[in-house]
Each structure stands twice: as C-alpha cells, then as structure tokens.
Amino acid sequence: MSKSLVLATSLLGLGGLALVAASGQSSAQGKASGAISGTIQFSGKAPARKAVDTSSDAACGAKQESDTVVVTKGKLRDVHVRIKNGTAGKHKASTAPVVIEQTGCVYLPHVVGAMVGQPVAIRNKDKTMHNVHAYIGKETWFNRSQPKGAPDIVERDTGEAGEVFELKCNVHAWMHSYMPITDHPYFDVSGSDGAFTIKNVPAGSYTLEAWHPTLGLKSTKVTVGKAGATASFTYP
C-alpha cells in the first residue's frame, strides 16, 4: 500500500462543507435498484457528553462537549452504515474530494465515508493553528501543521477497503475525525436523528454493516428489491 501526501493551494469547486459520496461504474448484483434506509437506536441511558476544556486556546470558544457518543432522543449519531466490502461489485471512485473542516476546533464531520482512491481535503477555517495527525490503524500516515489561512491538505491515498483513516490534532487533543474506506459507494452516516439512507443499491441480498468509532461493529442481512429495503440497528 503506497503512501503519498499531496499538498494543494486550492481545489476548484470546493465551496463550503461538502460531504461527497463516491460514484462510479457498477457491476453489482442486479440492474434494478432501490434504497436501504433505517434508523440507529440507542437503548438505555445515554452517556453524558462531557464538557471539553478549551481554555488552552481562546480561538476555540468557551463551550464544547465531547462528540465521542452523541445520542438525541434515543437516536445515535455518527454511525457509518455500509454494504460489506467485497460484496457489491466493482466501482470507480469519484475524483471529487471528501472535505473535512476544522471549525471551532472541531473536525466536521466527526464520521464520514469515502471510497478507495477518493481524495480527502482537510481545511482549516479557524483563526488558530492546527496540527493534522493522520493515522491508518496505529500507523502514522502523515503529521502536518496547518496554520490559519493555510492551503487545504489534500491526501489521495487514504488506505484500503476496510481500513479507517483517522484524524487527530496534536494541538487540541479533543479533536477527532474518522473516515471508513469502502470499495463501493453504498454507504451513509447517521445524523442526529439516527437516520440513514443508502441510495441506488442494485437488487440483491447483502450483509449490511453499522460501525461506530467507540461502540463498534454490528451487521444484519438485507434483500433489496424495487421497493428498496429497511434495516435498523440498536446500540450499545
């Protein structure tokens, strides 16, 4: 697995926060397609979100809460839901980058998906310096400072299918972001309402996986027809 860091002064067409889903040519199970939709539930008492001490940097603002586990009215945010890697045909990754922003000394989004070969652009919108430390597993992928106003850090090699490209900030220890890598475009991340929708899935039977950075992996079976399919997961 090669490692290459590409720095770019700007990227055309990268306005605002863009969560770009990969798209490409498919050779999956069937021609007809439907959506897989559902909700991520959290059972029992949700863990309290701890206050984050940001006093080391006035540019980070005074009030923050941990984004490790975020539950709203029994619904769990930040769960990456995907068809199991290696089971959804061959696809070409989008050349449009996934954008991860540093804003208010938080990585946004906290969890996002990308395909193998799809670039990621890491952007500093804060009036302070960040240090972008990227990992794949326990291996440091790169470690770069990014002062305010600096160009995006663009990485075109973010790992192989099944790996997780993880970002930390060595200046602000509470900052984390996670980007699971897939070999297909059939994934989504649950929002604050726990909902997810994976669109344009070819007809067929699949193993559907749900992954949370702290709470781990769950799976279920789904069969997609013209009407699509529904699936739900419950954590912890």
C-alpha atoms as a PDB file:
ATOM      1  CA  MET A   1       0.000   0.000   0.000  1.00  0.00           C
ATOM      2  CA  SER A   2       1.705   3.204  -1.178  1.00  0.00           C
ATOM      3  CA  LYS A   3       1.717   6.419   0.814  1.00  0.00           C
ATOM      4  CA  SER A   4       1.667   9.819  -0.864  1.00  0.00           C
ATOM      5  CA  LEU A   5       0.850  13.199   0.592  1.00  0.00           C
ATOM      6  CA  VAL A   6      -0.238  15.831  -1.897  1.00  0.00           C
ATOM      7  CA  LEU A   7      -0.451  19.442  -0.797  1.00  0.00           C
ATOM      8  CA  ALA A   8      -2.561  21.790  -2.934  1.00  0.00           C
ATOM      9  CA  THR A   9      -3.007  25.516  -2.637  1.00  0.00           C
ATOM     10  CA  SER A  10      -6.648  25.263  -3.639  1.00  0.00           C
ATOM     11  CA  LEU A  11      -9.181  22.918  -5.172  1.00  0.00           C
ATOM     12  CA  LEU A  12     -11.626  24.090  -7.797  1.00  0.00           C
ATOM     13  CA  GLY A  13     -15.219  23.618  -6.813  1.00  0.00           C
ATOM     14  CA  LEU A  14     -14.622  23.155  -3.072  1.00  0.00           C
ATOM     15  CA  GLY A  15     -17.051  25.675  -1.645  1.00  0.00           C
ATOM     16  CA  GLY A  16     -18.282  25.206   1.918  1.00  0.00           C
ATOM     17  CA  LEU A  17     -18.547  21.917   3.704  1.00  0.00           C
ATOM     18  CA  ALA A  18     -19.094  19.169   1.162  1.00  0.00           C
ATOM     19  CA  LEU A  19     -19.710  15.598   2.026  1.00  0.00           C
ATOM     20  CA  VAL A  20     -19.139  13.997  -1.337  1.00  0.00           C
ATOM     21  CA  ALA A  21     -20.321  10.431  -1.824  1.00  0.00           C
ATOM     22  CA  ALA A  22     -18.307   8.392  -4.271  1.00  0.00           C
ATOM     23  CA  SER A  23     -19.930   7.393  -7.515  1.00  0.00           C
ATOM     24  CA  GLY A  24     -18.826   5.153 -10.337  1.00  0.00           C
ATOM     25  CA  GLN A  25     -19.484   2.278 -12.654  1.00  0.00           C
ATOM     26  CA  SER A  26     -21.057  -0.745 -11.044  1.00  0.00           C
ATOM     27  CA  SER A  27     -21.050  -4.446 -11.710  1.00  0.00           C
ATOM     28  CA  ALA A  28     -23.141  -5.355  -8.666  1.00  0.00           C
ATOM     29  CA  GLN A  29     -25.799  -7.981  -8.348  1.00  0.00           C
ATOM     30  CA  GLY A  30     -28.798  -6.648 -10.233  1.00  0.00           C
ATOM     31  CA  LYS A  31     -29.835  -3.869 -12.618  1.00  0.00           C
ATOM     32  CA  ALA A  32     -32.891  -2.672 -10.711  1.00  0.00           C
ATOM     33  CA  SER A  33     -32.051  -0.551  -7.705  1.00  0.00           C
ATOM     34  CA  GLY A  34     -33.600   0.719  -4.501  1.00  0.00           C
ATOM     35  CA  ALA A  35     -32.629   2.442  -1.283  1.00  0.00           C
ATOM     36  CA  ILE A  36     -31.718   0.931   2.062  1.00  0.00           C
ATOM     37  CA  SER A  37     -32.997   3.146   4.857  1.00  0.00           C
ATOM     38  CA  GLY A  38     -33.335   2.877   8.590  1.00  0.00           C
ATOM     39  CA  THR A  39     -32.519   4.283  11.996  1.00  0.00           C
ATOM     40  CA  ILE A  40     -29.778   3.749  14.559  1.00  0.00           C
ATOM     41  CA  GLN A  41     -31.305   3.379  18.005  1.00  0.00           C
ATOM     42  CA  PHE A  42     -29.592   3.702  21.374  1.00  0.00           C
ATOM     43  CA  SER A  43     -31.024   1.516  24.114  1.00  0.00           C
ATOM     44  CA  GLY A  44     -30.858   2.502  27.772  1.00  0.00           C
ATOM     45  CA  LYS A  45     -29.453   5.622  29.346  1.00  0.00           C
ATOM     46  CA  ALA A  46     -27.237   7.598  27.009  1.00  0.00           C
ATOM     47  CA  PRO A  47     -23.784   8.523  28.322  1.00  0.00           C
ATOM     48  CA  ALA A  48     -23.482  12.155  29.354  1.00  0.00           C
ATOM     49  CA  ARG A  49     -21.494  14.326  26.976  1.00  0.00           C
ATOM     50  CA  LYS A  50     -18.557  15.652  28.961  1.00  0.00           C
ATOM     51  CA  ALA A  51     -17.547  19.297  28.816  1.00  0.00           C
ATOM     52  CA  VAL A  52     -14.352  19.918  26.851  1.00  0.00           C
ATOM     53  CA  ASP A  53     -11.732  22.188  28.383  1.00  0.00           C
ATOM     54  CA  THR A  54     -10.775  24.596  25.591  1.00  0.00           C
ATOM     55  CA  SER A  55      -9.053  27.126  27.840  1.00  0.00           C
ATOM     56  CA  SER A  56      -5.679  26.444  26.210  1.00  0.00           C
ATOM     57  CA  ASP A  57      -6.775  28.314  23.062  1.00  0.00           C
ATOM     58  CA  ALA A  58      -9.119  31.298  23.137  1.00  0.00           C
ATOM     59  CA  ALA A  59      -9.827  30.857  19.424  1.00  0.00           C
ATOM     60  CA  CYS A  60     -11.677  27.614  20.170  1.00  0.00           C
ATOM     61  CA  GLY A  61     -14.552  29.241  22.059  1.00  0.00           C
ATOM     62  CA  ALA A  62     -15.704  28.636  25.607  1.00  0.00           C
ATOM     63  CA  LYS A  63     -18.316  25.863  25.323  1.00  0.00           C
ATOM     64  CA  GLN A  64     -17.826  22.446  23.809  1.00  0.00           C
ATOM     65  CA  GLU A  65     -18.994  18.938  24.559  1.00  0.00           C
ATOM     66  CA  SER A  66     -17.395  15.602  23.740  1.00  0.00           C
ATOM     67  CA  ASP A  67     -18.515  14.073  20.425  1.00  0.00           C
ATOM     68  CA  THR A  68     -17.441  10.532  21.372  1.00  0.00           C
ATOM     69  CA  VAL A  69     -21.034   9.235  21.684  1.00  0.00           C
ATOM     70  CA  VAL A  70     -23.867  11.580  20.680  1.00  0.00           C
ATOM     71  CA  VAL A  71     -27.430  10.435  21.410  1.00  0.00           C
ATOM     72  CA  THR A  72     -30.515  12.582  20.821  1.00  0.00           C
ATOM     73  CA  LYS A  73     -33.907  11.279  21.959  1.00  0.00           C
ATOM     74  CA  GLY A  74     -32.708   7.692  21.773  1.00  0.00           C
ATOM     75  CA  LYS A  75     -31.096   8.057  18.328  1.00  0.00           C
ATOM     76  CA  LEU A  76     -27.356   7.609  17.736  1.00  0.00           C
ATOM     77  CA  ARG A  77     -25.336   9.922  15.501  1.00  0.00           C
ATOM     78  CA  ASP A  78     -22.123   9.183  13.607  1.00  0.00           C
ATOM     79  CA  VAL A  79     -22.697   5.550  12.651  1.00  0.00           C
ATOM     80  CA  HIS A  80     -21.194   4.564   9.298  1.00  0.00           C
ATOM     81  CA  VAL A  81     -23.644   2.181   7.591  1.00  0.00           C
ATOM     82  CA  ARG A  82     -22.436   0.299   4.527  1.00  0.00           C
ATOM     83  CA  ILE A  83     -22.746  -2.849   2.488  1.00  0.00           C
ATOM     84  CA  LYS A  84     -19.949  -5.222   3.430  1.00  0.00           C
ATOM     85  CA  ASN A  85     -16.764  -4.637   1.465  1.00  0.00           C
ATOM     86  CA  GLY A  86     -16.048  -7.092  -1.337  1.00  0.00           C
ATOM     87  CA  THR A  87     -19.723  -7.910  -1.978  1.00  0.00           C
ATOM     88  CA  ALA A  88     -21.070  -5.027  -4.059  1.00  0.00           C
ATOM     89  CA  GLY A  89     -19.262  -5.234  -7.384  1.00  0.00           C
ATOM     90  CA  LYS A  90     -16.534  -3.114  -8.919  1.00  0.00           C
ATOM     91  CA  HIS A  91     -16.677   0.681  -8.844  1.00  0.00           C
ATOM     92  CA  LYS A  92     -14.584   3.648  -9.831  1.00  0.00           C
ATOM     93  CA  ALA A  93     -14.091   6.225  -7.081  1.00  0.00           C
ATOM     94  CA  SER A  94     -15.142   9.819  -7.530  1.00  0.00           C
ATOM     95  CA  THR A  95     -12.360  12.320  -8.162  1.00  0.00           C
ATOM     96  CA  ALA A  96     -14.225  14.914  -6.095  1.00  0.00           C
ATOM     97  CA  PRO A  97     -12.693  15.077  -2.615  1.00  0.00           C
ATOM     98  CA  VAL A  98     -14.384  14.495   0.687  1.00  0.00           C
ATOM     99  CA  VAL A  99     -13.941  17.716   2.681  1.00  0.00           C
ATOM    100  CA  ILE A 100     -13.230  17.672   6.404  1.00  0.00           C
ATOM    101  CA  GLU A 101     -13.250  21.106   8.045  1.00  0.00           C
ATOM    102  CA  GLN A 102     -11.658  22.294  11.239  1.00  0.00           C
ATOM    103  CA  THR A 103     -14.088  24.831  12.595  1.00  0.00           C
ATOM    104  CA  GLY A 104     -14.465  25.919  16.211  1.00  0.00           C
ATOM    105  CA  CYS A 105     -11.618  23.485  16.962  1.00  0.00           C
ATOM    106  CA  VAL A 106     -13.790  20.546  15.933  1.00  0.00           C
ATOM    107  CA  TYR A 107     -13.395  18.251  12.930  1.00  0.00           C
ATOM    108  CA  LEU A 108     -16.585  18.325  10.862  1.00  0.00           C
ATOM    109  CA  PRO A 109     -17.894  15.811  10.102  1.00  0.00           C
ATOM    110  CA  HIS A 110     -16.889  13.586  13.004  1.00  0.00           C
ATOM    111  CA  VAL A 111     -17.532  10.489  10.841  1.00  0.00           C
ATOM    112  CA  VAL A 112     -17.640  10.456   7.040  1.00  0.00           C
ATOM    113  CA  GLY A 113     -17.184   7.798   4.365  1.00  0.00           C
ATOM    114  CA  ALA A 114     -15.010   7.581   1.257  1.00  0.00           C
ATOM    115  CA  MET A 115     -14.115   5.069  -1.424  1.00  0.00           C
ATOM    116  CA  VAL A 116     -10.663   3.643  -2.064  1.00  0.00           C
ATOM    117  CA  GLY A 117      -8.780   6.205  -4.136  1.00  0.00           C
ATOM    118  CA  GLN A 118     -11.113   9.112  -3.409  1.00  0.00           C
ATOM    119  CA  PRO A 119      -9.141  12.130  -2.158  1.00  0.00           C
ATOM    120  CA  VAL A 120      -9.773  13.944   1.112  1.00  0.00           C
ATOM    121  CA  ALA A 121      -9.231  17.678   1.598  1.00  0.00           C
ATOM    122  CA  ILE A 122      -8.621  18.893   5.153  1.00  0.00           C
ATOM    123  CA  ARG A 123      -9.426  22.568   5.634  1.00  0.00           C
ATOM    124  CA  ASN A 124      -8.622  24.965   8.469  1.00  0.00           C
ATOM    125  CA  LYS A 125     -11.358  27.587   8.930  1.00  0.00           C
ATOM    126  CA  ASP A 126     -10.196  28.564  12.418  1.00  0.00           C
ATOM    127  CA  LYS A 127      -8.145  31.571  13.431  1.00  0.00           C
ATOM    128  CA  THR A 128      -5.583  29.338  15.060  1.00  0.00           C
ATOM    129  CA  MET A 129      -3.047  26.694  14.097  1.00  0.00           C
ATOM    130  CA  HIS A 130      -3.959  23.031  13.976  1.00  0.00           C
ATOM    131  CA  ASN A 131      -1.692  20.023  13.657  1.00  0.00           C
ATOM    132  CA  VAL A 132      -3.279  17.394  11.448  1.00  0.00           C
ATOM    133  CA  HIS A 133      -2.071  13.959  12.531  1.00  0.00           C
ATOM    134  CA  ALA A 134      -3.482  11.213  10.306  1.00  0.00           C
ATOM    135  CA  TYR A 135      -3.470   7.513  11.149  1.00  0.00           C
ATOM    136  CA  ILE A 136      -4.479   4.281   9.486  1.00  0.00           C
ATOM    137  CA  GLY A 137      -4.734   1.819  12.325  1.00  0.00           C
ATOM    138  CA  LYS A 138      -1.733   2.516  14.564  1.00  0.00           C
ATOM    139  CA  GLU A 139       0.429   3.751  11.687  1.00  0.00           C
ATOM    140  CA  THR A 140       1.030   7.474  11.295  1.00  0.00           C
ATOM    141  CA  TRP A 141       0.061   8.377   7.725  1.00  0.00           C
ATOM    142  CA  PHE A 142       1.212  11.988   7.946  1.00  0.00           C
ATOM    143  CA  ASN A 143       1.703  14.666  10.579  1.00  0.00           C
ATOM    144  CA  ARG A 144       1.419  18.249   9.332  1.00  0.00           C
ATOM    145  CA  SER A 145       0.901  21.651  10.907  1.00  0.00           C
ATOM    146  CA  GLN A 146      -1.806  23.796   9.323  1.00  0.00           C
ATOM    147  CA  PRO A 147      -1.743  27.472  10.380  1.00  0.00           C
ATOM    148  CA  LYS A 148      -4.768  29.708   9.958  1.00  0.00           C
ATOM    149  CA  GLY A 149      -5.338  30.591   6.319  1.00  0.00           C
ATOM    150  CA  ALA A 150      -3.102  27.743   5.108  1.00  0.00           C
ATOM    151  CA  PRO A 151      -3.990  25.778   1.960  1.00  0.00           C
ATOM    152  CA  ASP A 152      -6.030  22.609   2.226  1.00  0.00           C
ATOM    153  CA  ILE A 153      -4.097  19.448   2.984  1.00  0.00           C
ATOM    154  CA  VAL A 154      -5.037  17.013   0.214  1.00  0.00           C
ATOM    155  CA  GLU A 155      -4.412  13.272   0.558  1.00  0.00           C
ATOM    156  CA  ARG A 156      -5.124  10.936  -2.334  1.00  0.00           C
ATOM    157  CA  ASP A 157      -4.135   7.706  -0.621  1.00  0.00           C
ATOM    158  CA  THR A 158      -6.294   7.138   2.457  1.00  0.00           C
ATOM    159  CA  GLY A 159      -5.982   3.385   2.793  1.00  0.00           C
ATOM    160  CA  GLU A 160      -7.620   0.202   1.582  1.00  0.00           C
ATOM    161  CA  ALA A 161     -11.193  -1.061   1.846  1.00  0.00           C
ATOM    162  CA  GLY A 162     -11.986  -1.960   5.432  1.00  0.00           C
ATOM    163  CA  GLU A 163      -9.452   0.443   6.933  1.00  0.00           C
ATOM    164  CA  VAL A 164     -10.254   3.657   8.804  1.00  0.00           C
ATOM    165  CA  PHE A 165      -8.476   6.919   8.020  1.00  0.00           C
ATOM    166  CA  GLU A 166      -8.387   8.748  11.366  1.00  0.00           C
ATOM    167  CA  LEU A 167      -7.509  12.374  12.106  1.00  0.00           C
ATOM    168  CA  LYS A 168      -6.326  13.866  15.377  1.00  0.00           C
ATOM    169  CA  CYS A 169      -4.985  17.292  16.294  1.00  0.00           C
ATOM    170  CA  ASN A 170      -1.803  17.389  18.341  1.00  0.00           C
ATOM    171  CA  VAL A 171      -2.571  20.962  19.434  1.00  0.00           C
ATOM    172  CA  HIS A 172      -6.184  20.329  20.519  1.00  0.00           C
ATOM    173  CA  ALA A 173      -6.307  16.805  21.909  1.00  0.00           C
ATOM    174  CA  TRP A 174     -10.110  16.511  21.843  1.00  0.00           C
ATOM    175  CA  MET A 175     -10.317  16.782  18.046  1.00  0.00           C
ATOM    176  CA  HIS A 176     -11.009  13.519  16.173  1.00  0.00           C
ATOM    177  CA  SER A 177     -12.471  12.510  12.834  1.00  0.00           C
ATOM    178  CA  TYR A 178     -12.958   9.055  11.305  1.00  0.00           C
ATOM    179  CA  MET A 179     -13.299   8.087   7.635  1.00  0.00           C
ATOM    180  CA  PRO A 180     -14.001   4.385   6.938  1.00  0.00           C
ATOM    181  CA  ILE A 181     -12.890   3.301   3.462  1.00  0.00           C
ATOM    182  CA  THR A 182     -15.086   1.171   1.192  1.00  0.00           C
ATOM    183  CA  ASP A 183     -14.672  -0.410  -2.257  1.00  0.00           C
ATOM    184  CA  HIS A 184     -18.143   0.752  -3.323  1.00  0.00           C
ATOM    185  CA  PRO A 185     -20.378   3.854  -2.998  1.00  0.00           C
ATOM    186  CA  TYR A 186     -23.128   2.202  -0.932  1.00  0.00           C
ATOM    187  CA  PHE A 187     -22.761   3.849   2.458  1.00  0.00           C
ATOM    188  CA  ASP A 188     -24.173   6.637   4.617  1.00  0.00           C
ATOM    189  CA  VAL A 189     -23.632   8.113   8.091  1.00  0.00           C
ATOM    190  CA  SER A 190     -26.448   8.526  10.588  1.00  0.00           C
ATOM    191  CA  GLY A 191     -27.416  12.072  11.505  1.00  0.00           C
ATOM    192  CA  SER A 192     -28.610  13.483  14.813  1.00  0.00           C
ATOM    193  CA  ASP A 193     -31.978  11.807  14.199  1.00  0.00           C
ATOM    194  CA  GLY A 194     -30.249   8.434  13.789  1.00  0.00           C
ATOM    195  CA  ALA A 195     -31.486   8.110  10.213  1.00  0.00           C
ATOM    196  CA  PHE A 196     -29.517   6.813   7.237  1.00  0.00           C
ATOM    197  CA  THR A 197     -30.338   6.218   3.560  1.00  0.00           C
ATOM    198  CA  ILE A 198     -28.138   4.371   1.084  1.00  0.00           C
ATOM    199  CA  LYS A 199     -29.391   5.173  -2.401  1.00  0.00           C
ATOM    200  CA  ASN A 200     -29.297   3.332  -5.733  1.00  0.00           C
ATOM    201  CA  VAL A 201     -28.366  -0.086  -4.385  1.00  0.00           C
ATOM    202  CA  PRO A 202     -28.656  -2.789  -7.078  1.00  0.00           C
ATOM    203  CA  ALA A 203     -31.215  -5.505  -6.370  1.00  0.00           C
ATOM    204  CA  GLY A 204     -29.837  -8.409  -4.403  1.00  0.00           C
ATOM    205  CA  SER A 205     -29.094  -9.779  -0.957  1.00  0.00           C
ATOM    206  CA  TYR A 206     -26.376  -8.189   1.147  1.00  0.00           C
ATOM    207  CA  THR A 207     -24.751  -8.043   4.541  1.00  0.00           C
ATOM    208  CA  LEU A 208     -25.309  -4.554   5.926  1.00  0.00           C
ATOM    209  CA  GLU A 209     -22.802  -3.292   8.474  1.00  0.00           C
ATOM    210  CA  ALA A 210     -23.017  -0.466  11.013  1.00  0.00           C
ATOM    211  CA  TRP A 211     -19.803   0.895  12.556  1.00  0.00           C
ATOM    212  CA  HIS A 212     -19.337   3.419  15.343  1.00  0.00           C
ATOM    213  CA  PRO A 213     -15.836   4.600  16.359  1.00  0.00           C
ATOM    214  CA  THR A 214     -16.455   3.850  20.045  1.00  0.00           C
ATOM    215  CA  LEU A 215     -19.308   1.344  20.102  1.00  0.00           C
ATOM    216  CA  GLY A 216     -18.048  -0.956  17.354  1.00  0.00           C
ATOM    217  CA  LEU A 217     -19.475  -3.056  14.516  1.00  0.00           C
ATOM    218  CA  LYS A 218     -22.876  -4.684  14.033  1.00  0.00           C
ATOM    219  CA  SER A 219     -24.328  -6.448  10.978  1.00  0.00           C
ATOM    220  CA  THR A 220     -27.592  -7.732   9.544  1.00  0.00           C
ATOM    221  CA  LYS A 221     -28.906  -9.233   6.303  1.00  0.00           C
ATOM    222  CA  VAL A 222     -30.989  -7.238   3.807  1.00  0.00           C
ATOM    223  CA  THR A 223     -32.624  -8.013   0.477  1.00  0.00           C
ATOM    224  CA  VAL A 224     -33.053  -5.078  -1.876  1.00  0.00           C
ATOM    225  CA  GLY A 225     -35.863  -5.058  -4.433  1.00  0.00           C
ATOM    226  CA  LYS A 226     -37.551  -2.320  -6.437  1.00  0.00           C
ATOM    227  CA  ALA A 227     -39.123  -1.016  -3.238  1.00  0.00           C
ATOM    228  CA  GLY A 228     -35.745  -0.949  -1.520  1.00  0.00           C
ATOM    229  CA  ALA A 229     -35.215  -2.307   1.979  1.00  0.00           C
ATOM    230  CA  THR A 230     -35.276  -1.195   5.584  1.00  0.00           C
ATOM    231  CA  ALA A 231     -32.914  -2.087   8.401  1.00  0.00           C
ATOM    232  CA  SER A 232     -32.358  -0.894  11.945  1.00  0.00           C
ATOM    233  CA  PHE A 233     -29.526  -1.267  14.431  1.00  0.00           C
ATOM    234  CA  THR A 234     -29.573  -0.847  18.184  1.00  0.00           C
ATOM    235  CA  TYR A 235     -26.561   0.132  20.298  1.00  0.00           C
ATOM    236  CA  PRO A 236     -24.841  -0.424  22.632  1.00  0.00           C
END
